[in-house]
Amino acid sequence: MSYDLAVWEGAQPSNDGEGGDVYDQLYDEYMEGEDLPPTPGIRAYAEALAERWAVLTEGATLGWGLLLDDASGPMIYLTMPYGLAGELSAEAARLAAELGFVCYDPQTAHLWPAHID
């Protein structure tokens, strides 16, 4: 079982419903459509996230190159082990907020706050 998050470059949606609409559009275009190279911002996000996850899991998480397997254009789709989801998803959302990216939970149809404490 896994826990998923989507992160993308763009304006922060005003609410969960708008976030879901943007997610659906971007997912269809970039995850199910033509595979595009990740943008420089998404590449930097994946690299930084892999480094943070490695520290949190004492090296048990995958490298950033593999994170990019689920990235296309301005979007990355993160799949993490359910048992580690709490800590890893919070770190993914925190980093997304630091970089000005949007973080969305497709399981609960909920935007992560722009600022995570």
PDB file of N, CA and C in Angstrom:
ATOM      1  N   MET A   1       0.846  -1.166   0.000  1.00  0.00           N
ATOM      2  CA  MET A   1       0.000   0.000   0.000  1.00  0.00           C
ATOM      3  C   MET A   1       0.896   1.235   0.000  1.00  0.00           C
ATOM      4  N   SER A   2       0.462   2.243  -0.758  1.00  0.00           N
ATOM      5  CA  SER A   2       1.268   3.454  -0.840  1.00  0.00           C
ATOM      6  C   SER A   2       0.398   4.685  -0.620  1.00  0.00           C
ATOM      7  N   TYR A   3       1.088   5.783  -0.409  1.00  0.00           N
ATOM      8  CA  TYR A   3       0.455   7.081  -0.226  1.00  0.00           C
ATOM      9  C   TYR A   3       1.029   7.988  -1.306  1.00  0.00           C
ATOM     10  N   ASP A   4       0.180   8.751  -1.972  1.00  0.00           N
ATOM     11  CA  ASP A   4       0.607   9.558  -3.104  1.00  0.00           C
ATOM     12  C   ASP A   4       0.364  11.043  -2.865  1.00  0.00           C
ATOM     13  N   LEU A   5       1.245  11.847  -3.429  1.00  0.00           N
ATOM     14  CA  LEU A   5       1.092  13.301  -3.469  1.00  0.00           C
ATOM     15  C   LEU A   5       1.475  13.772  -4.868  1.00  0.00           C
ATOM     16  N   ALA A   6       0.865  14.845  -5.292  1.00  0.00           N
ATOM     17  CA  ALA A   6       1.239  15.487  -6.540  1.00  0.00           C
ATOM     18  C   ALA A   6       1.773  16.873  -6.211  1.00  0.00           C
ATOM     19  N   VAL A   7       2.843  17.245  -6.862  1.00  0.00           N
ATOM     20  CA  VAL A   7       3.447  18.566  -6.683  1.00  0.00           C
ATOM     21  C   VAL A   7       3.636  19.153  -8.070  1.00  0.00           C
ATOM     22  N   TRP A   8       3.284  20.438  -8.193  1.00  0.00           N
ATOM     23  CA  TRP A   8       3.476  21.090  -9.481  1.00  0.00           C
ATOM     24  C   TRP A   8       3.833  22.555  -9.313  1.00  0.00           C
ATOM     25  N   GLU A   9       4.432  23.082 -10.371  1.00  0.00           N
ATOM     26  CA  GLU A   9       4.752  24.499 -10.457  1.00  0.00           C
ATOM     27  C   GLU A   9       3.494  25.234 -10.918  1.00  0.00           C
ATOM     28  N   GLY A  10       3.220  26.360 -10.308  1.00  0.00           N
ATOM     29  CA  GLY A  10       2.078  27.155 -10.731  1.00  0.00           C
ATOM     30  C   GLY A  10       1.481  27.902  -9.561  1.00  0.00           C
ATOM     31  N   ALA A  11       0.440  28.651  -9.875  1.00  0.00           N
ATOM     32  CA  ALA A  11      -0.237  29.444  -8.852  1.00  0.00           C
ATOM     33  C   ALA A  11      -0.965  28.543  -7.868  1.00  0.00           C
ATOM     34  N   GLN A  12      -0.957  28.946  -6.608  1.00  0.00           N
ATOM     35  CA  GLN A  12      -1.646  28.195  -5.562  1.00  0.00           C
ATOM     36  C   GLN A  12      -3.153  28.309  -5.792  1.00  0.00           C
ATOM     37  N   PRO A  13      -3.849  27.187  -5.963  1.00  0.00           N
ATOM     38  CA  PRO A  13      -5.311  27.246  -6.093  1.00  0.00           C
ATOM     39  C   PRO A  13      -5.939  27.835  -4.832  1.00  0.00           C
ATOM     40  N   SER A  14      -7.097  28.443  -4.992  1.00  0.00           N
ATOM     41  CA  SER A  14      -7.739  29.128  -3.872  1.00  0.00           C
ATOM     42  C   SER A  14      -8.439  28.180  -2.907  1.00  0.00           C
ATOM     43  N   ASN A  15      -8.745  26.961  -3.343  1.00  0.00           N
ATOM     44  CA  ASN A  15      -9.420  26.004  -2.463  1.00  0.00           C
ATOM     45  C   ASN A  15      -9.199  24.583  -2.981  1.00  0.00           C
ATOM     46  N   ASP A  16      -9.661  23.605  -2.221  1.00  0.00           N
ATOM     47  CA  ASP A  16      -9.457  22.203  -2.588  1.00  0.00           C
ATOM     48  C   ASP A  16     -10.115  21.845  -3.914  1.00  0.00           C
ATOM     49  N   GLY A  17     -11.311  22.387  -4.157  1.00  0.00           N
ATOM     50  CA  GLY A  17     -12.008  22.093  -5.406  1.00  0.00           C
ATOM     51  C   GLY A  17     -11.234  22.570  -6.620  1.00  0.00           C
ATOM     52  N   GLU A  18     -10.737  23.796  -6.535  1.00  0.00           N
ATOM     53  CA  GLU A  18      -9.914  24.325  -7.623  1.00  0.00           C
ATOM     54  C   GLU A  18      -8.627  23.517  -7.747  1.00  0.00           C
ATOM     55  N   GLY A  19      -8.052  23.141  -6.609  1.00  0.00           N
ATOM     56  CA  GLY A  19      -6.850  22.320  -6.634  1.00  0.00           C
ATOM     57  C   GLY A  19      -7.090  20.993  -7.336  1.00  0.00           C
ATOM     58  N   GLY A  20      -8.238  20.380  -7.065  1.00  0.00           N
ATOM     59  CA  GLY A  20      -8.588  19.127  -7.724  1.00  0.00           C
ATOM     60  C   GLY A  20      -8.759  19.290  -9.220  1.00  0.00           C
ATOM     61  N   ASP A  21      -9.365  20.396  -9.633  1.00  0.00           N
ATOM     62  CA  ASP A  21      -9.541  20.659 -11.068  1.00  0.00           C
ATOM     63  C   ASP A  21      -8.193  20.830 -11.766  1.00  0.00           C
ATOM     64  N   VAL A  22      -7.301  21.600 -11.132  1.00  0.00           N
ATOM     65  CA  VAL A  22      -5.971  21.816 -11.703  1.00  0.00           C
ATOM     66  C   VAL A  22      -5.199  20.495 -11.727  1.00  0.00           C
ATOM     67  N   TYR A  23      -5.277  19.746 -10.642  1.00  0.00           N
ATOM     68  CA  TYR A  23      -4.615  18.438 -10.578  1.00  0.00           C
ATOM     69  C   TYR A  23      -5.089  17.540 -11.720  1.00  0.00           C
ATOM     70  N   ASP A  24      -6.404  17.421 -11.897  1.00  0.00           N
ATOM     71  CA  ASP A  24      -6.947  16.554 -12.951  1.00  0.00           C
ATOM     72  C   ASP A  24      -6.427  16.966 -14.328  1.00  0.00           C
ATOM     73  N   GLN A  25      -6.427  18.271 -14.583  1.00  0.00           N
ATOM     74  CA  GLN A  25      -5.958  18.771 -15.874  1.00  0.00           C
ATOM     75  C   GLN A  25      -4.477  18.459 -16.082  1.00  0.00           C
ATOM     76  N   LEU A  26      -3.661  18.779 -15.064  1.00  0.00           N
ATOM     77  CA  LEU A  26      -2.220  18.541 -15.187  1.00  0.00           C
ATOM     78  C   LEU A  26      -1.895  17.058 -15.249  1.00  0.00           C
ATOM     79  N   TYR A  27      -2.597  16.250 -14.465  1.00  0.00           N
ATOM     80  CA  TYR A  27      -2.344  14.810 -14.486  1.00  0.00           C
ATOM     81  C   TYR A  27      -2.635  14.241 -15.873  1.00  0.00           C
ATOM     82  N   ASP A  28      -3.778  14.619 -16.438  1.00  0.00           N
ATOM     83  CA  ASP A  28      -4.126  14.147 -17.781  1.00  0.00           C
ATOM     84  C   ASP A  28      -3.086  14.579 -18.808  1.00  0.00           C
ATOM     85  N   GLU A  29      -2.643  15.831 -18.708  1.00  0.00           N
ATOM     86  CA  GLU A  29      -1.705  16.367 -19.683  1.00  0.00           C
ATOM     87  C   GLU A  29      -0.291  15.823 -19.522  1.00  0.00           C
ATOM     88  N   TYR A  30       0.194  15.753 -18.286  1.00  0.00           N
ATOM     89  CA  TYR A  30       1.606  15.425 -18.084  1.00  0.00           C
ATOM     90  C   TYR A  30       1.886  14.000 -17.613  1.00  0.00           C
ATOM     91  N   MET A  31       0.975  13.390 -16.885  1.00  0.00           N
ATOM     92  CA  MET A  31       1.228  12.039 -16.401  1.00  0.00           C
ATOM     93  C   MET A  31       0.666  10.981 -17.358  1.00  0.00           C
ATOM     94  N   GLU A  32      -0.467  11.291 -17.988  1.00  0.00           N
ATOM     95  CA  GLU A  32      -1.062  10.338 -18.921  1.00  0.00           C
ATOM     96  C   GLU A  32      -0.830  10.736 -20.373  1.00  0.00           C
ATOM     97  N   GLY A  33      -0.402  11.952 -20.605  1.00  0.00           N
ATOM     98  CA  GLY A  33      -0.140  12.438 -21.961  1.00  0.00           C
ATOM     99  C   GLY A  33       1.300  12.162 -22.361  1.00  0.00           C
ATOM    100  N   GLU A  34       1.790  13.001 -23.251  1.00  0.00           N
ATOM    101  CA  GLU A  34       3.163  12.856 -23.717  1.00  0.00           C
ATOM    102  C   GLU A  34       4.145  13.067 -22.570  1.00  0.00           C
ATOM    103  N   ASP A  35       5.116  12.185 -22.462  1.00  0.00           N
ATOM    104  CA  ASP A  35       6.135  12.272 -21.423  1.00  0.00           C
ATOM    105  C   ASP A  35       7.130  13.369 -21.802  1.00  0.00           C
ATOM    106  N   LEU A  36       7.230  14.386 -20.959  1.00  0.00           N
ATOM    107  CA  LEU A  36       8.142  15.498 -21.202  1.00  0.00           C
ATOM    108  C   LEU A  36       9.251  15.500 -20.156  1.00  0.00           C
ATOM    109  N   PRO A  37      10.405  16.055 -20.489  1.00  0.00           N
ATOM    110  CA  PRO A  37      11.447  16.177 -19.474  1.00  0.00           C
ATOM    111  C   PRO A  37      10.951  17.088 -18.340  1.00  0.00           C
ATOM    112  N   PRO A  38      11.303  16.765 -17.103  1.00  0.00           N
ATOM    113  CA  PRO A  38      10.911  17.640 -15.997  1.00  0.00           C
ATOM    114  C   PRO A  38      11.542  19.023 -16.150  1.00  0.00           C
ATOM    115  N   THR A  39      10.825  20.039 -15.687  1.00  0.00           N
ATOM    116  CA  THR A  39      11.372  21.390 -15.719  1.00  0.00           C
ATOM    117  C   THR A  39      12.571  21.465 -14.762  1.00  0.00           C
ATOM    118  N   PRO A  40      13.420  22.464 -14.908  1.00  0.00           N
ATOM    119  CA  PRO A  40      14.537  22.624 -13.966  1.00  0.00           C
ATOM    120  C   PRO A  40      14.060  22.722 -12.515  1.00  0.00           C
ATOM    121  N   GLY A  41      12.939  23.390 -12.270  1.00  0.00           N
ATOM    122  CA  GLY A  41      12.424  23.507 -10.907  1.00  0.00           C
ATOM    123  C   GLY A  41      12.012  22.169 -10.329  1.00  0.00           C
ATOM    124  N   ILE A  42      11.359  21.334 -11.116  1.00  0.00           N
ATOM    125  CA  ILE A  42      10.951  20.004 -10.654  1.00  0.00           C
ATOM    126  C   ILE A  42      12.178  19.125 -10.446  1.00  0.00           C
ATOM    127  N   ARG A  43      13.172  19.255 -11.307  1.00  0.00           N
ATOM    128  CA  ARG A  43      14.417  18.491 -11.108  1.00  0.00           C
ATOM    129  C   ARG A  43      15.072  18.888  -9.778  1.00  0.00           C
ATOM    130  N   ALA A  44      15.139  20.180  -9.506  1.00  0.00           N
ATOM    131  CA  ALA A  44      15.742  20.663  -8.258  1.00  0.00           C
ATOM    132  C   ALA A  44      14.924  20.184  -7.059  1.00  0.00           C
ATOM    133  N   TYR A  45      13.601  20.220  -7.176  1.00  0.00           N
ATOM    134  CA  TYR A  45      12.727  19.736  -6.105  1.00  0.00           C
ATOM    135  C   TYR A  45      12.998  18.256  -5.824  1.00  0.00           C
ATOM    136  N   ALA A  46      13.055  17.436  -6.873  1.00  0.00           N
ATOM    137  CA  ALA A  46      13.293  16.002  -6.701  1.00  0.00           C
ATOM    138  C   ALA A  46      14.640  15.729  -6.041  1.00  0.00           C
ATOM    139  N   GLU A  47      15.650  16.456  -6.448  1.00  0.00           N
ATOM    140  CA  GLU A  47      16.982  16.273  -5.870  1.00  0.00           C
ATOM    141  C   GLU A  47      16.983  16.642  -4.385  1.00  0.00           C
ATOM    142  N   ALA A  48      16.413  17.791  -4.059  1.00  0.00           N
ATOM    143  CA  ALA A  48      16.372  18.236  -2.658  1.00  0.00           C
ATOM    144  C   ALA A  48      15.511  17.305  -1.816  1.00  0.00           C
ATOM    145  N   LEU A  49      14.384  16.855  -2.374  1.00  0.00           N
ATOM    146  CA  LEU A  49      13.508  15.955  -1.636  1.00  0.00           C
ATOM    147  C   LEU A  49      14.189  14.619  -1.364  1.00  0.00           C
ATOM    148  N   ALA A  50      14.883  14.082  -2.343  1.00  0.00           N
ATOM    149  CA  ALA A  50      15.579  12.811  -2.141  1.00  0.00           C
ATOM    150  C   ALA A  50      16.624  12.934  -1.035  1.00  0.00           C
ATOM    151  N   GLU A  51      17.325  14.061  -0.995  1.00  0.00           N
ATOM    152  CA  GLU A  51      18.323  14.263   0.055  1.00  0.00           C
ATOM    153  C   GLU A  51      17.658  14.315   1.432  1.00  0.00           C
ATOM    154  N   ARG A  52      16.545  15.028   1.541  1.00  0.00           N
ATOM    155  CA  ARG A  52      15.846  15.136   2.826  1.00  0.00           C
ATOM    156  C   ARG A  52      15.260  13.793   3.245  1.00  0.00           C
ATOM    157  N   TRP A  53      14.657  13.095   2.287  1.00  0.00           N
ATOM    158  CA  TRP A  53      14.081  11.784   2.613  1.00  0.00           C
ATOM    159  C   TRP A  53      15.167  10.809   3.056  1.00  0.00           C
ATOM    160  N   ALA A  54      16.331  10.853   2.420  1.00  0.00           N
ATOM    161  CA  ALA A  54      17.428   9.962   2.793  1.00  0.00           C
ATOM    162  C   ALA A  54      17.846  10.196   4.238  1.00  0.00           C
ATOM    163  N   VAL A  55      17.883  11.446   4.663  1.00  0.00           N
ATOM    164  CA  VAL A  55      18.220  11.764   6.054  1.00  0.00           C
ATOM    165  C   VAL A  55      17.134  11.243   6.987  1.00  0.00           C
ATOM    166  N   LEU A  56      15.875  11.478   6.642  1.00  0.00           N
ATOM    167  CA  LEU A  56      14.759  11.044   7.489  1.00  0.00           C
ATOM    168  C   LEU A  56      14.681   9.524   7.633  1.00  0.00           C
ATOM    169  N   THR A  57      15.079   8.806   6.589  1.00  0.00           N
ATOM    170  CA  THR A  57      14.952   7.338   6.602  1.00  0.00           C
ATOM    171  C   THR A  57      16.303   6.638   6.716  1.00  0.00           C
ATOM    172  N   GLU A  58      17.313   7.389   7.071  1.00  0.00           N
ATOM    173  CA  GLU A  58      18.668   6.843   7.216  1.00  0.00           C
ATOM    174  C   GLU A  58      19.105   6.105   5.951  1.00  0.00           C
ATOM    175  N   GLY A  59      18.819   6.707   4.802  1.00  0.00           N
ATOM    176  CA  GLY A  59      19.261   6.182   3.513  1.00  0.00           C
ATOM    177  C   GLY A  59      18.360   5.143   2.889  1.00  0.00           C
ATOM    178  N   ALA A  60      17.215   4.851   3.474  1.00  0.00           N
ATOM    179  CA  ALA A  60      16.343   3.784   2.966  1.00  0.00           C
ATOM    180  C   ALA A  60      15.507   4.202   1.761  1.00  0.00           C
ATOM    181  N   THR A  61      15.346   5.497   1.489  1.00  0.00           N
ATOM    182  CA  THR A  61      14.526   5.931   0.360  1.00  0.00           C
ATOM    183  C   THR A  61      15.348   5.957  -0.922  1.00  0.00           C
ATOM    184  N   LEU A  62      14.661   6.013  -2.029  1.00  0.00           N
ATOM    185  CA  LEU A  62      15.294   5.975  -3.337  1.00  0.00           C
ATOM    186  C   LEU A  62      15.963   7.298  -3.680  1.00  0.00           C
ATOM    187  N   GLY A  63      16.884   7.243  -4.623  1.00  0.00           N
ATOM    188  CA  GLY A  63      17.587   8.439  -5.067  1.00  0.00           C
ATOM    189  C   GLY A  63      16.707   9.339  -5.920  1.00  0.00           C
ATOM    190  N   TRP A  64      17.171  10.548  -6.145  1.00  0.00           N
ATOM    191  CA  TRP A  64      16.355  11.529  -6.860  1.00  0.00           C
ATOM    192  C   TRP A  64      16.144  11.164  -8.311  1.00  0.00           C
ATOM    193  N   GLY A  65      17.061  10.455  -8.909  1.00  0.00           N
ATOM    194  CA  GLY A  65      16.878  10.033 -10.297  1.00  0.00           C
ATOM    195  C   GLY A  65      15.623   9.196 -10.471  1.00  0.00           C
ATOM    196  N   LEU A  66      15.357   8.319  -9.512  1.00  0.00           N
ATOM    197  CA  LEU A  66      14.158   7.496  -9.584  1.00  0.00           C
ATOM    198  C   LEU A  66      12.892   8.300  -9.321  1.00  0.00           C
ATOM    199  N   LEU A  67      12.965   9.328  -8.490  1.00  0.00           N
ATOM    200  CA  LEU A  67      11.807  10.197  -8.294  1.00  0.00           C
ATOM    201  C   LEU A  67      11.390  10.828  -9.618  1.00  0.00           C
ATOM    202  N   LEU A  68      12.368  11.112 -10.456  1.00  0.00           N
ATOM    203  CA  LEU A  68      12.072  11.760 -11.729  1.00  0.00           C
ATOM    204  C   LEU A  68      11.383  10.834 -12.716  1.00  0.00           C
ATOM    205  N   ASP A  69      11.338   9.530 -12.438  1.00  0.00           N
ATOM    206  CA  ASP A  69      10.585   8.613 -13.296  1.00  0.00           C
ATOM    207  C   ASP A  69       9.112   8.983 -13.325  1.00  0.00           C
ATOM    208  N   ASP A  70       8.628   9.612 -12.261  1.00  0.00           N
ATOM    209  CA  ASP A  70       7.228  10.032 -12.178  1.00  0.00           C
ATOM    210  C   ASP A  70       7.100  11.547 -12.246  1.00  0.00           C
ATOM    211  N   ALA A  71       7.934  12.160 -13.079  1.00  0.00           N
ATOM    212  CA  ALA A  71       7.880  13.606 -13.298  1.00  0.00           C
ATOM    213  C   ALA A  71       7.776  13.862 -14.792  1.00  0.00           C
ATOM    214  N   SER A  72       6.983  14.854 -15.142  1.00  0.00           N
ATOM    215  CA  SER A  72       6.847  15.259 -16.535  1.00  0.00           C
ATOM    216  C   SER A  72       6.523  16.741 -16.551  1.00  0.00           C
ATOM    217  N   GLY A  73       7.312  17.499 -17.285  1.00  0.00           N
ATOM    218  CA  GLY A  73       7.089  18.933 -17.352  1.00  0.00           C
ATOM    219  C   GLY A  73       7.089  19.549 -15.971  1.00  0.00           C
ATOM    220  N   PRO A  74       6.046  20.305 -15.611  1.00  0.00           N
ATOM    221  CA  PRO A  74       6.013  21.020 -14.340  1.00  0.00           C
ATOM    222  C   PRO A  74       5.391  20.227 -13.195  1.00  0.00           C
ATOM    223  N   MET A  75       5.278  18.901 -13.336  1.00  0.00           N
ATOM    224  CA  MET A  75       4.583  18.100 -12.326  1.00  0.00           C
ATOM    225  C   MET A  75       5.391  16.863 -11.949  1.00  0.00           C
ATOM    226  N   ILE A  76       5.301  16.509 -10.667  1.00  0.00           N
ATOM    227  CA  ILE A  76       5.882  15.256 -10.184  1.00  0.00           C
ATOM    228  C   ILE A  76       4.833  14.569  -9.314  1.00  0.00           C
ATOM    229  N   TYR A  77       4.744  13.253  -9.479  1.00  0.00           N
ATOM    230  CA  TYR A  77       3.792  12.447  -8.724  1.00  0.00           C
ATOM    231  C   TYR A  77       4.608  11.581  -7.775  1.00  0.00           C
ATOM    232  N   LEU A  78       4.414  11.776  -6.491  1.00  0.00           N
ATOM    233  CA  LEU A  78       5.211  11.094  -5.476  1.00  0.00           C
ATOM    234  C   LEU A  78       4.441   9.922  -4.889  1.00  0.00           C
ATOM    235  N   THR A  79       5.074   8.769  -4.869  1.00  0.00           N
ATOM    236  CA  THR A  79       4.501   7.576  -4.249  1.00  0.00           C
ATOM    237  C   THR A  79       5.452   7.153  -3.140  1.00  0.00           C
ATOM    238  N   MET A  80       4.897   7.023  -1.934  1.00  0.00           N
ATOM    239  CA  MET A  80       5.741   6.675  -0.786  1.00  0.00           C
ATOM    240  C   MET A  80       5.111   5.526  -0.010  1.00  0.00           C
ATOM    241  N   PRO A  81       5.929   4.748   0.694  1.00  0.00           N
ATOM    242  CA  PRO A  81       5.378   3.669   1.515  1.00  0.00           C
ATOM    243  C   PRO A  81       4.412   4.229   2.556  1.00  0.00           C
ATOM    244  N   TYR A  82       3.280   3.579   2.704  1.00  0.00           N
ATOM    245  CA  TYR A  82       2.247   4.080   3.601  1.00  0.00           C
ATOM    246  C   TYR A  82       2.758   4.224   5.036  1.00  0.00           C
ATOM    247  N   GLY A  83       3.601   3.316   5.476  1.00  0.00           N
ATOM    248  CA  GLY A  83       4.126   3.365   6.833  1.00  0.00           C
ATOM    249  C   GLY A  83       5.000   4.575   7.112  1.00  0.00           C
ATOM    250  N   LEU A  84       5.558   5.168   6.068  1.00  0.00           N
ATOM    251  CA  LEU A  84       6.414   6.356   6.214  1.00  0.00           C
ATOM    252  C   LEU A  84       5.718   7.626   5.733  1.00  0.00           C
ATOM    253  N   ALA A  85       4.469   7.503   5.328  1.00  0.00           N
ATOM    254  CA  ALA A  85       3.770   8.603   4.666  1.00  0.00           C
ATOM    255  C   ALA A  85       3.664   9.857   5.519  1.00  0.00           C
ATOM    256  N   GLY A  86       3.422   9.728   6.805  1.00  0.00           N
ATOM    257  CA  GLY A  86       3.262  10.914   7.641  1.00  0.00           C
ATOM    258  C   GLY A  86       4.453  11.833   7.576  1.00  0.00           C
ATOM    259  N   GLU A  87       5.610  11.293   7.873  1.00  0.00           N
ATOM    260  CA  GLU A  87       6.825  12.101   7.904  1.00  0.00           C
ATOM    261  C   GLU A  87       7.277  12.513   6.498  1.00  0.00           C
ATOM    262  N   LEU A  88       7.226  11.577   5.542  1.00  0.00           N
ATOM    263  CA  LEU A  88       7.703  11.890   4.202  1.00  0.00           C
ATOM    264  C   LEU A  88       6.786  12.873   3.484  1.00  0.00           C
ATOM    265  N   SER A  89       5.470  12.721   3.642  1.00  0.00           N
ATOM    266  CA  SER A  89       4.561  13.643   2.964  1.00  0.00           C
ATOM    267  C   SER A  89       4.666  15.048   3.552  1.00  0.00           C
ATOM    268  N   ALA A  90       4.826  15.156   4.858  1.00  0.00           N
ATOM    269  CA  ALA A  90       4.995  16.473   5.472  1.00  0.00           C
ATOM    270  C   ALA A  90       6.252  17.144   4.942  1.00  0.00           C
ATOM    271  N   GLU A  91       7.325  16.387   4.782  1.00  0.00           N
ATOM    272  CA  GLU A  91       8.563  16.959   4.249  1.00  0.00           C
ATOM    273  C   GLU A  91       8.397  17.338   2.782  1.00  0.00           C
ATOM    274  N   ALA A  92       7.682  16.522   2.009  1.00  0.00           N
ATOM    275  CA  ALA A  92       7.434  16.843   0.601  1.00  0.00           C
ATOM    276  C   ALA A  92       6.635  18.130   0.482  1.00  0.00           C
ATOM    277  N   ALA A  93       5.611  18.284   1.319  1.00  0.00           N
ATOM    278  CA  ALA A  93       4.782  19.492   1.302  1.00  0.00           C
ATOM    279  C   ALA A  93       5.568  20.717   1.768  1.00  0.00           C
ATOM    280  N   ARG A  94       6.383  20.541   2.776  1.00  0.00           N
ATOM    281  CA  ARG A  94       7.192  21.645   3.300  1.00  0.00           C
ATOM    282  C   ARG A  94       8.149  22.159   2.214  1.00  0.00           C
ATOM    283  N   LEU A  95       8.819  21.252   1.554  1.00  0.00           N
ATOM    284  CA  LEU A  95       9.749  21.649   0.504  1.00  0.00           C
ATOM    285  C   LEU A  95       8.999  22.295  -0.663  1.00  0.00           C
ATOM    286  N   ALA A  96       7.852  21.756  -1.029  1.00  0.00           N
ATOM    287  CA  ALA A  96       7.055  22.356  -2.107  1.00  0.00           C
ATOM    288  C   ALA A  96       6.694  23.797  -1.752  1.00  0.00           C
ATOM    289  N   ALA A  97       6.271  24.014  -0.514  1.00  0.00           N
ATOM    290  CA  ALA A  97       5.914  25.369  -0.074  1.00  0.00           C
ATOM    291  C   ALA A  97       7.135  26.292  -0.113  1.00  0.00           C
ATOM    292  N   GLU A  98       8.289  25.790   0.314  1.00  0.00           N
ATOM    293  CA  GLU A  98       9.511  26.596   0.284  1.00  0.00           C
ATOM    294  C   GLU A  98       9.834  27.069  -1.123  1.00  0.00           C
ATOM    295  N   LEU A  99       9.556  26.215  -2.112  1.00  0.00           N
ATOM    296  CA  LEU A  99       9.878  26.537  -3.496  1.00  0.00           C
ATOM    297  C   LEU A  99       8.736  27.235  -4.227  1.00  0.00           C
ATOM    298  N   GLY A 100       7.609  27.423  -3.547  1.00  0.00           N
ATOM    299  CA  GLY A 100       6.468  28.081  -4.164  1.00  0.00           C
ATOM    300  C   GLY A 100       5.654  27.170  -5.059  1.00  0.00           C
ATOM    301  N   PHE A 101       5.764  25.854  -4.863  1.00  0.00           N
ATOM    302  CA  PHE A 101       5.014  24.884  -5.655  1.00  0.00           C
ATOM    303  C   PHE A 101       3.715  24.519  -4.945  1.00  0.00           C
ATOM    304  N   VAL A 102       2.825  23.894  -5.671  1.00  0.00           N
ATOM    305  CA  VAL A 102       1.551  23.423  -5.137  1.00  0.00           C
ATOM    306  C   VAL A 102       1.711  21.954  -4.750  1.00  0.00           C
ATOM    307  N   CYS A 103       1.142  21.575  -3.609  1.00  0.00           N
ATOM    308  CA  CYS A 103       1.163  20.181  -3.154  1.00  0.00           C
ATOM    309  C   CYS A 103      -0.291  19.753  -2.934  1.00  0.00           C
ATOM    310  N   TYR A 104      -0.663  18.629  -3.542  1.00  0.00           N
ATOM    311  CA  TYR A 104      -2.047  18.173  -3.523  1.00  0.00           C
ATOM    312  C   TYR A 104      -2.101  16.689  -3.194  1.00  0.00           C
ATOM    313  N   ASP A 105      -3.024  16.327  -2.327  1.00  0.00           N
ATOM    314  CA  ASP A 105      -3.239  14.934  -1.932  1.00  0.00           C
ATOM    315  C   ASP A 105      -4.430  14.392  -2.721  1.00  0.00           C
ATOM    316  N   PRO A 106      -4.198  13.550  -3.736  1.00  0.00           N
ATOM    317  CA  PRO A 106      -5.314  13.049  -4.534  1.00  0.00           C
ATOM    318  C   PRO A 106      -6.205  12.046  -3.796  1.00  0.00           C
ATOM    319  N   GLN A 107      -5.718  11.433  -2.722  1.00  0.00           N
ATOM    320  CA  GLN A 107      -6.541  10.489  -1.960  1.00  0.00           C
ATOM    321  C   GLN A 107      -7.662  11.196  -1.201  1.00  0.00           C
ATOM    322  N   THR A 108      -7.338  12.349  -0.633  1.00  0.00           N
ATOM    323  CA  THR A 108      -8.320  13.082   0.170  1.00  0.00           C
ATOM    324  C   THR A 108      -8.875  14.299  -0.565  1.00  0.00           C
ATOM    325  N   ALA A 109      -8.381  14.545  -1.790  1.00  0.00           N
ATOM    326  CA  ALA A 109      -8.781  15.715  -2.576  1.00  0.00           C
ATOM    327  C   ALA A 109      -8.556  16.999  -1.780  1.00  0.00           C
ATOM    328  N   HIS A 110      -7.349  17.109  -1.201  1.00  0.00           N
ATOM    329  CA  HIS A 110      -7.032  18.216  -0.303  1.00  0.00           C
ATOM    330  C   HIS A 110      -5.689  18.836  -0.681  1.00  0.00           C
ATOM    331  N   LEU A 111      -5.662  20.155  -0.735  1.00  0.00           N
ATOM    332  CA  LEU A 111      -4.404  20.882  -0.902  1.00  0.00           C
ATOM    333  C   LEU A 111      -3.666  20.891   0.423  1.00  0.00           C
ATOM    334  N   TRP A 112      -2.370  20.686   0.357  1.00  0.00           N
ATOM    335  CA  TRP A 112      -1.570  20.910   1.536  1.00  0.00           C
ATOM    336  C   TRP A 112      -1.433  22.413   1.695  1.00  0.00           C
ATOM    337  N   PRO A 113      -1.401  22.915   2.901  1.00  0.00           N
ATOM    338  CA  PRO A 113      -1.251  24.371   3.077  1.00  0.00           C
ATOM    339  C   PRO A 113       0.025  24.879   2.418  1.00  0.00           C
ATOM    340  N   ALA A 114      -0.023  26.141   2.016  1.00  0.00           N
ATOM    341  CA  ALA A 114       1.154  26.756   1.393  1.00  0.00           C
ATOM    342  C   ALA A 114       2.308  26.826   2.386  1.00  0.00           C
ATOM    343  N   HIS A 115       1.988  26.861   3.670  1.00  0.00           N
ATOM    344  CA  HIS A 115       3.039  26.908   4.691  1.00  0.00           C
ATOM    345  C   HIS A 115       2.759  25.823   5.730  1.00  0.00           C
ATOM    346  N   ILE A 116       3.694  24.912   5.872  1.00  0.00           N
ATOM    347  CA  ILE A 116       3.586  23.811   6.825  1.00  0.00           C
ATOM    348  C   ILE A 116       4.522  24.094   7.990  1.00  0.00           C
ATOM    349  N   ASP A 117       4.033  24.099   9.194  1.00  0.00           N
ATOM    350  CA  ASP A 117       4.897  24.304  10.365  1.00  0.00           C
ATOM    351  C   ASP A 117       5.485  22.995  10.822  1.00  0.00           C
TER     352      ASP A 117
END
